[in-house]
Amino acid sequence: MKHLATTLAHFVGKILLLESALVIIIALAWRWSGWYTTDSYGAALSTTGGIIIGLGLFALATRGGSDDMKLSDAEMQVRSWDHKGQRRFMSPYTESIRPWAWLISLGVVTVGIGIIFNVFFP
């Protein structure tokens, strides 16, 4: 349970750090481009978050299935002991989709912040 809490806290911390940078970049693009004349900042965040989610889903859809990257049983046993002294195994497919899962999570958080901005700052 403690490992799960630490992992979740680490994930949230990284997402919020990335989200802070993204919010600043979107704010600058929103203001300097004239986008602010047609949409509120919340709508700009929601639109950008939707685009980020779409890019992540498109990347996942073009990766292929986990059957494309199956390992033999012997190779799985060898790799499972070779993970920084831990006995945890992550398949190559899981490792390859991790960046795209981060991208989708970042998009979801961006859409959520955009919705909050639309509600409180119309």
PDB file of N, CA and C in Angstrom:
ATOM      1  N   MET A   1       0.824  -1.186   0.000  1.00  0.00           N
ATOM      2  CA  MET A   1       0.000   0.000   0.000  1.00  0.00           C
ATOM      3  C   MET A   1       0.874   1.258   0.000  1.00  0.00           C
ATOM      4  N   LYS A   2       1.975   1.198   0.767  1.00  0.00           N
ATOM      5  CA  LYS A   2       2.866   2.347   0.833  1.00  0.00           C
ATOM      6  C   LYS A   2       3.517   2.599  -0.525  1.00  0.00           C
ATOM      7  N   HIS A   3       3.862   1.524  -1.240  1.00  0.00           N
ATOM      8  CA  HIS A   3       4.455   1.651  -2.565  1.00  0.00           C
ATOM      9  C   HIS A   3       3.477   2.301  -3.546  1.00  0.00           C
ATOM     10  N   LEU A   4       2.215   1.904  -3.443  1.00  0.00           N
ATOM     11  CA  LEU A   4       1.187   2.477  -4.313  1.00  0.00           C
ATOM     12  C   LEU A   4       1.010   3.969  -4.042  1.00  0.00           C
ATOM     13  N   ALA A   5       0.991   4.350  -2.782  1.00  0.00           N
ATOM     14  CA  ALA A   5       0.849   5.759  -2.425  1.00  0.00           C
ATOM     15  C   ALA A   5       2.044   6.576  -2.909  1.00  0.00           C
ATOM     16  N   THR A   6       3.239   6.031  -2.771  1.00  0.00           N
ATOM     17  CA  THR A   6       4.441   6.725  -3.237  1.00  0.00           C
ATOM     18  C   THR A   6       4.431   6.865  -4.750  1.00  0.00           C
ATOM     19  N   THR A   7       4.052   5.812  -5.445  1.00  0.00           N
ATOM     20  CA  THR A   7       3.985   5.852  -6.905  1.00  0.00           C
ATOM     21  C   THR A   7       2.948   6.865  -7.371  1.00  0.00           C
ATOM     22  N   LEU A   8       1.791   6.881  -6.735  1.00  0.00           N
ATOM     23  CA  LEU A   8       0.738   7.815  -7.106  1.00  0.00           C
ATOM     24  C   LEU A   8       1.166   9.259  -6.835  1.00  0.00           C
ATOM     25  N   ALA A   9       1.809   9.506  -5.706  1.00  0.00           N
ATOM     26  CA  ALA A   9       2.286  10.853  -5.385  1.00  0.00           C
ATOM     27  C   ALA A   9       3.341  11.309  -6.384  1.00  0.00           C
ATOM     28  N   HIS A  10       4.220  10.408  -6.780  1.00  0.00           N
ATOM     29  CA  HIS A  10       5.251  10.737  -7.770  1.00  0.00           C
ATOM     30  C   HIS A  10       4.612  11.071  -9.115  1.00  0.00           C
ATOM     31  N   PHE A  11       3.618  10.277  -9.518  1.00  0.00           N
ATOM     32  CA  PHE A  11       2.902  10.504 -10.777  1.00  0.00           C
ATOM     33  C   PHE A  11       2.198  11.860 -10.763  1.00  0.00           C
ATOM     34  N   VAL A  12       1.481  12.151  -9.697  1.00  0.00           N
ATOM     35  CA  VAL A  12       0.750  13.415  -9.591  1.00  0.00           C
ATOM     36  C   VAL A  12       1.719  14.593  -9.599  1.00  0.00           C
ATOM     37  N   GLY A  13       2.828  14.461  -8.909  1.00  0.00           N
ATOM     38  CA  GLY A  13       3.824  15.534  -8.894  1.00  0.00           C
ATOM     39  C   GLY A  13       4.377  15.829 -10.271  1.00  0.00           C
ATOM     40  N   LYS A  14       4.701  14.787 -11.031  1.00  0.00           N
ATOM     41  CA  LYS A  14       5.229  14.991 -12.382  1.00  0.00           C
ATOM     42  C   LYS A  14       4.166  15.570 -13.316  1.00  0.00           C
ATOM     43  N   ILE A  15       2.946  15.070 -13.211  1.00  0.00           N
ATOM     44  CA  ILE A  15       1.874  15.585 -14.071  1.00  0.00           C
ATOM     45  C   ILE A  15       1.629  17.060 -13.768  1.00  0.00           C
ATOM     46  N   LEU A  16       1.597  17.436 -12.497  1.00  0.00           N
ATOM     47  CA  LEU A  16       1.353  18.835 -12.147  1.00  0.00           C
ATOM     48  C   LEU A  16       2.506  19.740 -12.585  1.00  0.00           C
ATOM     49  N   LEU A  17       3.719  19.241 -12.552  1.00  0.00           N
ATOM     50  CA  LEU A  17       4.855  20.014 -13.039  1.00  0.00           C
ATOM     51  C   LEU A  17       4.735  20.249 -14.547  1.00  0.00           C
ATOM     52  N   LEU A  18       4.438  19.194 -15.286  1.00  0.00           N
ATOM     53  CA  LEU A  18       4.236  19.333 -16.724  1.00  0.00           C
ATOM     54  C   LEU A  18       3.034  20.218 -17.034  1.00  0.00           C
ATOM     55  N   GLU A  19       1.983  20.051 -16.257  1.00  0.00           N
ATOM     56  CA  GLU A  19       0.763  20.829 -16.468  1.00  0.00           C
ATOM     57  C   GLU A  19       1.011  22.316 -16.238  1.00  0.00           C
ATOM     58  N   SER A  20       1.806  22.647 -15.241  1.00  0.00           N
ATOM     59  CA  SER A  20       2.121  24.053 -14.970  1.00  0.00           C
ATOM     60  C   SER A  20       2.829  24.684 -16.161  1.00  0.00           C
ATOM     61  N   ALA A  21       3.800  23.980 -16.711  1.00  0.00           N
ATOM     62  CA  ALA A  21       4.505  24.494 -17.889  1.00  0.00           C
ATOM     63  C   ALA A  21       3.559  24.624 -19.077  1.00  0.00           C
ATOM     64  N   LEU A  22       2.697  23.633 -19.265  1.00  0.00           N
ATOM     65  CA  LEU A  22       1.748  23.665 -20.374  1.00  0.00           C
ATOM     66  C   LEU A  22       0.748  24.802 -20.230  1.00  0.00           C
ATOM     67  N   VAL A  23       0.253  25.035 -19.025  1.00  0.00           N
ATOM     68  CA  VAL A  23      -0.703  26.127 -18.789  1.00  0.00           C
ATOM     69  C   VAL A  23      -0.063  27.477 -19.109  1.00  0.00           C
ATOM     70  N   ILE A  24       1.192  27.655 -18.746  1.00  0.00           N
ATOM     71  CA  ILE A  24       1.882  28.913 -19.044  1.00  0.00           C
ATOM     72  C   ILE A  24       2.056  29.082 -20.556  1.00  0.00           C
ATOM     73  N   ILE A  25       2.455  28.023 -21.233  1.00  0.00           N
ATOM     74  CA  ILE A  25       2.632  28.093 -22.688  1.00  0.00           C
ATOM     75  C   ILE A  25       1.309  28.386 -23.385  1.00  0.00           C
ATOM     76  N   ILE A  26       0.244  27.718 -22.964  1.00  0.00           N
ATOM     77  CA  ILE A  26      -1.072  27.958 -23.573  1.00  0.00           C
ATOM     78  C   ILE A  26      -1.538  29.379 -23.294  1.00  0.00           C
ATOM     79  N   ALA A  27      -1.296  29.882 -22.090  1.00  0.00           N
ATOM     80  CA  ALA A  27      -1.699  31.249 -21.743  1.00  0.00           C
ATOM     81  C   ALA A  27      -0.988  32.260 -22.640  1.00  0.00           C
ATOM     82  N   LEU A  28       0.298  32.051 -22.861  1.00  0.00           N
ATOM     83  CA  LEU A  28       1.039  32.967 -23.726  1.00  0.00           C
ATOM     84  C   LEU A  28       0.551  32.881 -25.172  1.00  0.00           C
ATOM     85  N   ALA A  29       0.345  31.662 -25.663  1.00  0.00           N
ATOM     86  CA  ALA A  29      -0.158  31.498 -27.037  1.00  0.00           C
ATOM     87  C   ALA A  29      -1.565  32.061 -27.167  1.00  0.00           C
ATOM     88  N   TRP A  30      -2.381  31.881 -26.154  1.00  0.00           N
ATOM     89  CA  TRP A  30      -3.762  32.373 -26.174  1.00  0.00           C
ATOM     90  C   TRP A  30      -3.790  33.896 -26.234  1.00  0.00           C
ATOM     91  N   ARG A  31      -2.938  34.518 -25.476  1.00  0.00           N
ATOM     92  CA  ARG A  31      -2.941  35.975 -25.418  1.00  0.00           C
ATOM     93  C   ARG A  31      -2.267  36.610 -26.631  1.00  0.00           C
ATOM     94  N   TRP A  32      -1.123  36.080 -27.050  1.00  0.00           N
ATOM     95  CA  TRP A  32      -0.371  36.684 -28.144  1.00  0.00           C
ATOM     96  C   TRP A  32      -0.965  36.413 -29.517  1.00  0.00           C
ATOM     97  N   SER A  33      -1.746  35.360 -29.676  1.00  0.00           N
ATOM     98  CA  SER A  33      -2.256  34.996 -30.999  1.00  0.00           C
ATOM     99  C   SER A  33      -3.591  35.644 -31.340  1.00  0.00           C
ATOM    100  N   GLY A  34      -4.241  36.262 -30.415  1.00  0.00           N
ATOM    101  CA  GLY A  34      -5.568  36.802 -30.677  1.00  0.00           C
ATOM    102  C   GLY A  34      -6.662  35.779 -30.460  1.00  0.00           C
ATOM    103  N   TRP A  35      -6.297  34.596 -29.983  1.00  0.00           N
ATOM    104  CA  TRP A  35      -7.255  33.539 -29.679  1.00  0.00           C
ATOM    105  C   TRP A  35      -8.210  34.002 -28.587  1.00  0.00           C
ATOM    106  N   TYR A  36      -7.750  34.929 -27.747  1.00  0.00           N
ATOM    107  CA  TYR A  36      -8.572  35.411 -26.634  1.00  0.00           C
ATOM    108  C   TYR A  36      -9.785  36.205 -27.110  1.00  0.00           C
ATOM    109  N   THR A  37      -9.779  36.659 -28.361  1.00  0.00           N
ATOM    110  CA  THR A  37     -10.928  37.409 -28.864  1.00  0.00           C
ATOM    111  C   THR A  37     -12.108  36.505 -29.195  1.00  0.00           C
ATOM    112  N   THR A  38     -11.836  35.220 -29.451  1.00  0.00           N
ATOM    113  CA  THR A  38     -12.915  34.303 -29.822  1.00  0.00           C
ATOM    114  C   THR A  38     -13.273  33.305 -28.738  1.00  0.00           C
ATOM    115  N   ASP A  39     -12.320  32.942 -27.884  1.00  0.00           N
ATOM    116  CA  ASP A  39     -12.554  31.924 -26.858  1.00  0.00           C
ATOM    117  C   ASP A  39     -12.027  32.379 -25.511  1.00  0.00           C
ATOM    118  N   SER A  40     -12.650  31.855 -24.465  1.00  0.00           N
ATOM    119  CA  SER A  40     -12.138  32.109 -23.121  1.00  0.00           C
ATOM    120  C   SER A  40     -10.906  31.232 -22.887  1.00  0.00           C
ATOM    121  N   TYR A  41     -10.185  31.517 -21.820  1.00  0.00           N
ATOM    122  CA  TYR A  41      -8.993  30.731 -21.507  1.00  0.00           C
ATOM    123  C   TYR A  41      -9.357  29.283 -21.186  1.00  0.00           C
ATOM    124  N   GLY A  42     -10.477  29.082 -20.525  1.00  0.00           N
ATOM    125  CA  GLY A  42     -10.929  27.720 -20.228  1.00  0.00           C
ATOM    126  C   GLY A  42     -11.211  26.926 -21.489  1.00  0.00           C
ATOM    127  N   ALA A  43     -11.812  27.582 -22.487  1.00  0.00           N
ATOM    128  CA  ALA A  43     -12.067  26.902 -23.758  1.00  0.00           C
ATOM    129  C   ALA A  43     -10.759  26.579 -24.474  1.00  0.00           C
ATOM    130  N   ALA A  44      -9.785  27.467 -24.372  1.00  0.00           N
ATOM    131  CA  ALA A  44      -8.479  27.217 -24.972  1.00  0.00           C
ATOM    132  C   ALA A  44      -7.807  26.015 -24.310  1.00  0.00           C
ATOM    133  N   LEU A  45      -7.889  25.923 -22.986  1.00  0.00           N
ATOM    134  CA  LEU A  45      -7.313  24.778 -22.276  1.00  0.00           C
ATOM    135  C   LEU A  45      -8.030  23.486 -22.650  1.00  0.00           C
ATOM    136  N   SER A  46      -9.349  23.534 -22.723  1.00  0.00           N
ATOM    137  CA  SER A  46     -10.110  22.330 -23.077  1.00  0.00           C
ATOM    138  C   SER A  46      -9.789  21.867 -24.488  1.00  0.00           C
ATOM    139  N   THR A  47      -9.682  22.798 -25.408  1.00  0.00           N
ATOM    140  CA  THR A  47      -9.349  22.460 -26.792  1.00  0.00           C
ATOM    141  C   THR A  47      -7.955  21.841 -26.877  1.00  0.00           C
ATOM    142  N   THR A  48      -7.002  22.462 -26.215  1.00  0.00           N
ATOM    143  CA  THR A  48      -5.639  21.942 -26.228  1.00  0.00           C
ATOM    144  C   THR A  48      -5.572  20.564 -25.570  1.00  0.00           C
ATOM    145  N   GLY A  49      -6.266  20.386 -24.460  1.00  0.00           N
ATOM    146  CA  GLY A  49      -6.307  19.076 -23.800  1.00  0.00           C
ATOM    147  C   GLY A  49      -6.907  18.006 -24.693  1.00  0.00           C
ATOM    148  N   GLY A  50      -7.963  18.359 -25.422  1.00  0.00           N
ATOM    149  CA  GLY A  50      -8.569  17.412 -26.356  1.00  0.00           C
ATOM    150  C   GLY A  50      -7.612  17.014 -27.470  1.00  0.00           C
ATOM    151  N   ILE A  51      -6.848  17.976 -27.957  1.00  0.00           N
ATOM    152  CA  ILE A  51      -5.852  17.681 -28.992  1.00  0.00           C
ATOM    153  C   ILE A  51      -4.767  16.761 -28.439  1.00  0.00           C
ATOM    154  N   ILE A  52      -4.324  17.024 -27.220  1.00  0.00           N
ATOM    155  CA  ILE A  52      -3.291  16.185 -26.594  1.00  0.00           C
ATOM    156  C   ILE A  52      -3.800  14.757 -26.393  1.00  0.00           C
ATOM    157  N   ILE A  53      -5.038  14.612 -25.934  1.00  0.00           N
ATOM    158  CA  ILE A  53      -5.619  13.274 -25.760  1.00  0.00           C
ATOM    159  C   ILE A  53      -5.709  12.569 -27.109  1.00  0.00           C
ATOM    160  N   GLY A  54      -6.147  13.287 -28.125  1.00  0.00           N
ATOM    161  CA  GLY A  54      -6.244  12.703 -29.460  1.00  0.00           C
ATOM    162  C   GLY A  54      -4.901  12.227 -29.989  1.00  0.00           C
ATOM    163  N   LEU A  55      -3.855  13.018 -29.779  1.00  0.00           N
ATOM    164  CA  LEU A  55      -2.516  12.609 -30.217  1.00  0.00           C
ATOM    165  C   LEU A  55      -2.052  11.353 -29.484  1.00  0.00           C
ATOM    166  N   GLY A  56      -2.312  11.294 -28.190  1.00  0.00           N
ATOM    167  CA  GLY A  56      -1.930  10.118 -27.416  1.00  0.00           C
ATOM    168  C   GLY A  56      -2.678   8.869 -27.850  1.00  0.00           C
ATOM    169  N   LEU A  57      -3.975   9.006 -28.080  1.00  0.00           N
ATOM    170  CA  LEU A  57      -4.771   7.855 -28.525  1.00  0.00           C
ATOM    171  C   LEU A  57      -4.365   7.408 -29.919  1.00  0.00           C
ATOM    172  N   PHE A  58      -4.064   8.366 -30.793  1.00  0.00           N
ATOM    173  CA  PHE A  58      -3.606   8.022 -32.142  1.00  0.00           C
ATOM    174  C   PHE A  58      -2.286   7.262 -32.076  1.00  0.00           C
ATOM    175  N   ALA A  59      -1.375   7.724 -31.227  1.00  0.00           N
ATOM    176  CA  ALA A  59      -0.086   7.040 -31.077  1.00  0.00           C
ATOM    177  C   ALA A  59      -0.282   5.629 -30.531  1.00  0.00           C
ATOM    178  N   LEU A  60      -1.184   5.459 -29.574  1.00  0.00           N
ATOM    179  CA  LEU A  60      -1.454   4.115 -29.043  1.00  0.00           C
ATOM    180  C   LEU A  60      -2.081   3.213 -30.098  1.00  0.00           C
ATOM    181  N   ALA A  61      -2.962   3.780 -30.910  1.00  0.00           N
ATOM    182  CA  ALA A  61      -3.635   2.985 -31.936  1.00  0.00           C
ATOM    183  C   ALA A  61      -2.668   2.519 -33.012  1.00  0.00           C
ATOM    184  N   THR A  62      -1.632   3.264 -33.261  1.00  0.00           N
ATOM    185  CA  THR A  62      -0.675   2.884 -34.299  1.00  0.00           C
ATOM    186  C   THR A  62       0.484   2.046 -33.768  1.00  0.00           C
ATOM    187  N   ARG A  63       0.537   1.775 -32.463  1.00  0.00           N
ATOM    188  CA  ARG A  63       1.625   1.000 -31.860  1.00  0.00           C
ATOM    189  C   ARG A  63       1.519  -0.492 -32.164  1.00  0.00           C
ATOM    190  N   GLY A  64       0.348  -0.981 -32.407  1.00  0.00           N
ATOM    191  CA  GLY A  64       0.184  -2.418 -32.554  1.00  0.00           C
ATOM    192  C   GLY A  64      -0.183  -3.033 -31.222  1.00  0.00           C
ATOM    193  N   GLY A  65      -0.580  -4.283 -31.244  1.00  0.00           N
ATOM    194  CA  GLY A  65      -1.016  -4.947 -30.019  1.00  0.00           C
ATOM    195  C   GLY A  65       0.139  -5.534 -29.238  1.00  0.00           C
ATOM    196  N   SER A  66      -0.171  -5.991 -28.049  1.00  0.00           N
ATOM    197  CA  SER A  66       0.858  -6.592 -27.208  1.00  0.00           C
ATOM    198  C   SER A  66       1.340  -7.919 -27.783  1.00  0.00           C
ATOM    199  N   ASP A  67       0.550  -8.538 -28.666  1.00  0.00           N
ATOM    200  CA  ASP A  67       0.980  -9.780 -29.304  1.00  0.00           C
ATOM    201  C   ASP A  67       2.171  -9.557 -30.219  1.00  0.00           C
ATOM    202  N   ASP A  68       2.356  -8.331 -30.688  1.00  0.00           N
ATOM    203  CA  ASP A  68       3.476  -8.022 -31.566  1.00  0.00           C
ATOM    204  C   ASP A  68       4.806  -8.067 -30.842  1.00  0.00           C
ATOM    205  N   MET A  69       4.790  -7.942 -29.525  1.00  0.00           N
ATOM    206  CA  MET A  69       6.026  -7.844 -28.763  1.00  0.00           C
ATOM    207  C   MET A  69       6.140  -8.919 -27.690  1.00  0.00           C
ATOM    208  N   LYS A  70       5.615 -10.085 -27.936  1.00  0.00           N
ATOM    209  CA  LYS A  70       5.674 -11.143 -26.925  1.00  0.00           C
ATOM    210  C   LYS A  70       7.097 -11.670 -26.788  1.00  0.00           C
ATOM    211  N   LEU A  71       7.416 -12.079 -25.598  1.00  0.00           N
ATOM    212  CA  LEU A  71       8.720 -12.657 -25.317  1.00  0.00           C
ATOM    213  C   LEU A  71       8.561 -14.134 -25.017  1.00  0.00           C
ATOM    214  N   SER A  72       9.624 -14.847 -25.210  1.00  0.00           N
ATOM    215  CA  SER A  72       9.594 -16.259 -24.829  1.00  0.00           C
ATOM    216  C   SER A  72       9.598 -16.353 -23.302  1.00  0.00           C
ATOM    217  N   ASP A  73       9.179 -17.489 -22.788  1.00  0.00           N
ATOM    218  CA  ASP A  73       9.138 -17.675 -21.326  1.00  0.00           C
ATOM    219  C   ASP A  73      10.522 -17.545 -20.704  1.00  0.00           C
ATOM    220  N   ALA A  74      11.526 -18.089 -21.363  1.00  0.00           N
ATOM    221  CA  ALA A  74      12.883 -18.014 -20.816  1.00  0.00           C
ATOM    222  C   ALA A  74      13.366 -16.573 -20.779  1.00  0.00           C
ATOM    223  N   GLU A  75      13.080 -15.823 -21.819  1.00  0.00           N
ATOM    224  CA  GLU A  75      13.505 -14.417 -21.854  1.00  0.00           C
ATOM    225  C   GLU A  75      12.780 -13.610 -20.782  1.00  0.00           C
ATOM    226  N   MET A  76      11.513 -13.929 -20.525  1.00  0.00           N
ATOM    227  CA  MET A  76      10.775 -13.234 -19.476  1.00  0.00           C
ATOM    228  C   MET A  76      11.395 -13.504 -18.110  1.00  0.00           C
ATOM    229  N   GLN A  77      11.808 -14.764 -17.855  1.00  0.00           N
ATOM    230  CA  GLN A  77      12.423 -15.078 -16.577  1.00  0.00           C
ATOM    231  C   GLN A  77      13.748 -14.345 -16.404  1.00  0.00           C
ATOM    232  N   VAL A  78      14.538 -14.285 -17.453  1.00  0.00           N
ATOM    233  CA  VAL A  78      15.826 -13.596 -17.382  1.00  0.00           C
ATOM    234  C   VAL A  78      15.612 -12.113 -17.141  1.00  0.00           C
ATOM    235  N   ARG A  79      14.696 -11.514 -17.874  1.00  0.00           N
ATOM    236  CA  ARG A  79      14.453 -10.076 -17.732  1.00  0.00           C
ATOM    237  C   ARG A  79      13.798  -9.742 -16.400  1.00  0.00           C
ATOM    238  N   SER A  80      13.005 -10.640 -15.842  1.00  0.00           N
ATOM    239  CA  SER A  80      12.309 -10.336 -14.603  1.00  0.00           C
ATOM    240  C   SER A  80      13.281 -10.187 -13.436  1.00  0.00           C
ATOM    241  N   TRP A  81      14.426 -10.842 -13.486  1.00  0.00           N
ATOM    242  CA  TRP A  81      15.410 -10.728 -12.416  1.00  0.00           C
ATOM    243  C   TRP A  81      16.388  -9.594 -12.680  1.00  0.00           C
ATOM    244  N   ASP A  82      16.320  -9.003 -13.856  1.00  0.00           N
ATOM    245  CA  ASP A  82      17.295  -8.000 -14.259  1.00  0.00           C
ATOM    246  C   ASP A  82      16.733  -6.584 -14.146  1.00  0.00           C
ATOM    247  N   HIS A  83      15.843  -6.346 -13.210  1.00  0.00           N
ATOM    248  CA  HIS A  83      15.163  -5.052 -13.112  1.00  0.00           C
ATOM    249  C   HIS A  83      15.597  -4.313 -11.851  1.00  0.00           C
ATOM    250  N   LYS A  84      16.841  -3.883 -11.808  1.00  0.00           N
ATOM    251  CA  LYS A  84      17.396  -3.113 -10.688  1.00  0.00           C
ATOM    252  C   LYS A  84      17.247  -3.852  -9.354  1.00  0.00           C
ATOM    253  N   GLY A  85      17.443  -5.138  -9.369  1.00  0.00           N
ATOM    254  CA  GLY A  85      17.372  -5.899  -8.138  1.00  0.00           C
ATOM    255  C   GLY A  85      15.961  -6.217  -7.685  1.00  0.00           C
ATOM    256  N   GLN A  86      14.971  -5.749  -8.418  1.00  0.00           N
ATOM    257  CA  GLN A  86      13.585  -6.030  -8.050  1.00  0.00           C
ATOM    258  C   GLN A  86      13.120  -7.273  -8.801  1.00  0.00           C
ATOM    259  N   ARG A  87      12.069  -7.865  -8.316  1.00  0.00           N
ATOM    260  CA  ARG A  87      11.519  -9.057  -8.967  1.00  0.00           C
ATOM    261  C   ARG A  87      10.261  -8.694  -9.736  1.00  0.00           C
ATOM    262  N   ARG A  88      10.249  -7.530 -10.319  1.00  0.00           N
ATOM    263  CA  ARG A  88       9.074  -7.062 -11.050  1.00  0.00           C
ATOM    264  C   ARG A  88       9.390  -7.060 -12.534  1.00  0.00           C
ATOM    265  N   PHE A  89       8.473  -7.526 -13.330  1.00  0.00           N
ATOM    266  CA  PHE A  89       8.679  -7.589 -14.768  1.00  0.00           C
ATOM    267  C   PHE A  89       7.703  -6.659 -15.476  1.00  0.00           C
ATOM    268  N   MET A  90       8.219  -5.897 -16.403  1.00  0.00           N
ATOM    269  CA  MET A  90       7.368  -5.082 -17.270  1.00  0.00           C
ATOM    270  C   MET A  90       7.665  -5.491 -18.699  1.00  0.00           C
ATOM    271  N   SER A  91       6.641  -5.828 -19.431  1.00  0.00           N
ATOM    272  CA  SER A  91       6.848  -6.260 -20.806  1.00  0.00           C
ATOM    273  C   SER A  91       7.325  -5.090 -21.653  1.00  0.00           C
ATOM    274  N   PRO A  92       7.957  -5.374 -22.777  1.00  0.00           N
ATOM    275  CA  PRO A  92       8.398  -4.302 -23.674  1.00  0.00           C
ATOM    276  C   PRO A  92       7.216  -3.459 -24.177  1.00  0.00           C
ATOM    277  N   TYR A  93       6.058  -4.101 -24.348  1.00  0.00           N
ATOM    278  CA  TYR A  93       4.888  -3.347 -24.799  1.00  0.00           C
ATOM    279  C   TYR A  93       4.469  -2.328 -23.748  1.00  0.00           C
ATOM    280  N   THR A  94       4.454  -2.741 -22.489  1.00  0.00           N
ATOM    281  CA  THR A  94       4.088  -1.818 -21.410  1.00  0.00           C
ATOM    282  C   THR A  94       5.080  -0.677 -21.322  1.00  0.00           C
ATOM    283  N   GLU A  95       6.353  -0.977 -21.465  1.00  0.00           N
ATOM    284  CA  GLU A  95       7.368   0.071 -21.441  1.00  0.00           C
ATOM    285  C   GLU A  95       7.221   1.017 -22.623  1.00  0.00           C
ATOM    286  N   SER A  96       6.810   0.495 -23.785  1.00  0.00           N
ATOM    287  CA  SER A  96       6.720   1.328 -24.981  1.00  0.00           C
ATOM    288  C   SER A  96       5.496   2.244 -24.978  1.00  0.00           C
ATOM    289  N   ILE A  97       4.444   1.885 -24.241  1.00  0.00           N
ATOM    290  CA  ILE A  97       3.250   2.739 -24.236  1.00  0.00           C
ATOM    291  C   ILE A  97       3.236   3.735 -23.085  1.00  0.00           C
ATOM    292  N   ARG A  98       4.198   3.635 -22.194  1.00  0.00           N
ATOM    293  CA  ARG A  98       4.235   4.524 -21.030  1.00  0.00           C
ATOM    294  C   ARG A  98       4.233   6.007 -21.404  1.00  0.00           C
ATOM    295  N   PRO A  99       5.041   6.473 -22.369  1.00  0.00           N
ATOM    296  CA  PRO A  99       5.007   7.908 -22.714  1.00  0.00           C
ATOM    297  C   PRO A  99       3.645   8.356 -23.233  1.00  0.00           C
ATOM    298  N   TRP A 100       2.979   7.480 -23.959  1.00  0.00           N
ATOM    299  CA  TRP A 100       1.672   7.859 -24.510  1.00  0.00           C
ATOM    300  C   TRP A 100       0.612   7.894 -23.409  1.00  0.00           C
ATOM    301  N   ALA A 101       0.737   7.031 -22.425  1.00  0.00           N
ATOM    302  CA  ALA A 101      -0.183   7.083 -21.285  1.00  0.00           C
ATOM    303  C   ALA A 101       0.022   8.387 -20.511  1.00  0.00           C
ATOM    304  N   TRP A 102       1.280   8.825 -20.386  1.00  0.00           N
ATOM    305  CA  TRP A 102       1.562  10.113 -19.755  1.00  0.00           C
ATOM    306  C   TRP A 102       0.928  11.241 -20.545  1.00  0.00           C
ATOM    307  N   LEU A 103       1.027  11.176 -21.860  1.00  0.00           N
ATOM    308  CA  LEU A 103       0.464  12.229 -22.704  1.00  0.00           C
ATOM    309  C   LEU A 103      -1.054  12.290 -22.552  1.00  0.00           C
ATOM    310  N   ILE A 104      -1.704  11.146 -22.529  1.00  0.00           N
ATOM    311  CA  ILE A 104      -3.155  11.118 -22.350  1.00  0.00           C
ATOM    312  C   ILE A 104      -3.529  11.647 -20.973  1.00  0.00           C
ATOM    313  N   SER A 105      -2.781  11.280 -19.941  1.00  0.00           N
ATOM    314  CA  SER A 105      -3.047  11.792 -18.592  1.00  0.00           C
ATOM    315  C   SER A 105      -2.895  13.307 -18.540  1.00  0.00           C
ATOM    316  N   LEU A 106      -1.874  13.815 -19.198  1.00  0.00           N
ATOM    317  CA  LEU A 106      -1.667  15.263 -19.259  1.00  0.00           C
ATOM    318  C   LEU A 106      -2.837  15.943 -19.959  1.00  0.00           C
ATOM    319  N   GLY A 107      -3.346  15.347 -21.024  1.00  0.00           N
ATOM    320  CA  GLY A 107      -4.499  15.901 -21.725  1.00  0.00           C
ATOM    321  C   GLY A 107      -5.752  15.904 -20.875  1.00  0.00           C
ATOM    322  N   VAL A 108      -5.957  14.835 -20.118  1.00  0.00           N
ATOM    323  CA  VAL A 108      -7.131  14.754 -19.244  1.00  0.00           C
ATOM    324  C   VAL A 108      -7.075  15.833 -18.165  1.00  0.00           C
ATOM    325  N   VAL A 109      -5.901  16.027 -17.574  1.00  0.00           N
ATOM    326  CA  VAL A 109      -5.747  17.066 -16.553  1.00  0.00           C
ATOM    327  C   VAL A 109      -5.972  18.448 -17.167  1.00  0.00           C
ATOM    328  N   THR A 110      -5.475  18.662 -18.384  1.00  0.00           N
ATOM    329  CA  THR A 110      -5.660  19.947 -19.061  1.00  0.00           C
ATOM    330  C   THR A 110      -7.139  20.218 -19.331  1.00  0.00           C
ATOM    331  N   VAL A 111      -7.861  19.214 -19.786  1.00  0.00           N
ATOM    332  CA  VAL A 111      -9.303  19.381 -20.001  1.00  0.00           C
ATOM    333  C   VAL A 111      -9.998  19.685 -18.679  1.00  0.00           C
ATOM    334  N   GLY A 112      -9.614  18.993 -17.611  1.00  0.00           N
ATOM    335  CA  GLY A 112     -10.211  19.241 -16.289  1.00  0.00           C
ATOM    336  C   GLY A 112      -9.975  20.666 -15.818  1.00  0.00           C
ATOM    337  N   ILE A 113      -8.760  21.154 -15.986  1.00  0.00           N
ATOM    338  CA  ILE A 113      -8.467  22.539 -15.598  1.00  0.00           C
ATOM    339  C   ILE A 113      -9.247  23.511 -16.483  1.00  0.00           C
ATOM    340  N   GLY A 114      -9.378  23.186 -17.760  1.00  0.00           N
ATOM    341  CA  GLY A 114     -10.172  24.030 -18.658  1.00  0.00           C
ATOM    342  C   GLY A 114     -11.628  24.110 -18.233  1.00  0.00           C
ATOM    343  N   ILE A 115     -12.191  22.994 -17.805  1.00  0.00           N
ATOM    344  CA  ILE A 115     -13.579  22.980 -17.325  1.00  0.00           C
ATOM    345  C   ILE A 115     -13.710  23.835 -16.066  1.00  0.00           C
ATOM    346  N   ILE A 116     -12.740  23.718 -15.165  1.00  0.00           N
ATOM    347  CA  ILE A 116     -12.774  24.530 -13.943  1.00  0.00           C
ATOM    348  C   ILE A 116     -12.694  26.014 -14.283  1.00  0.00           C
ATOM    349  N   PHE A 117     -11.816  26.366 -15.224  1.00  0.00           N
ATOM    350  CA  PHE A 117     -11.715  27.759 -15.636  1.00  0.00           C
ATOM    351  C   PHE A 117     -13.023  28.249 -16.267  1.00  0.00           C
ATOM    352  N   ASN A 118     -13.675  27.398 -17.055  1.00  0.00           N
ATOM    353  CA  ASN A 118     -14.953  27.807 -17.666  1.00  0.00           C
ATOM    354  C   ASN A 118     -16.032  28.039 -16.630  1.00  0.00           C
ATOM    355  N   VAL A 119     -16.030  27.249 -15.573  1.00  0.00           N
ATOM    356  CA  VAL A 119     -17.061  27.379 -14.546  1.00  0.00           C
ATOM    357  C   VAL A 119     -16.831  28.625 -13.684  1.00  0.00           C
ATOM    358  N   PHE A 120     -15.589  28.844 -13.248  1.00  0.00           N
ATOM    359  CA  PHE A 120     -15.319  29.926 -12.301  1.00  0.00           C
ATOM    360  C   PHE A 120     -14.908  31.237 -12.958  1.00  0.00           C
ATOM    361  N   PHE A 121     -14.375  31.189 -14.166  1.00  0.00           N
ATOM    362  CA  PHE A 121     -13.947  32.422 -14.864  1.00  0.00           C
ATOM    363  C   PHE A 121     -14.510  32.422 -16.285  1.00  0.00           C
ATOM    364  N   PRO A 122     -15.789  32.710 -16.445  1.00  0.00           N
ATOM    365  CA  PRO A 122     -16.399  32.631 -17.780  1.00  0.00           C
ATOM    366  C   PRO A 122     -15.896  33.651 -18.763  1.00  0.00           C
TER     367      PRO A 122
END
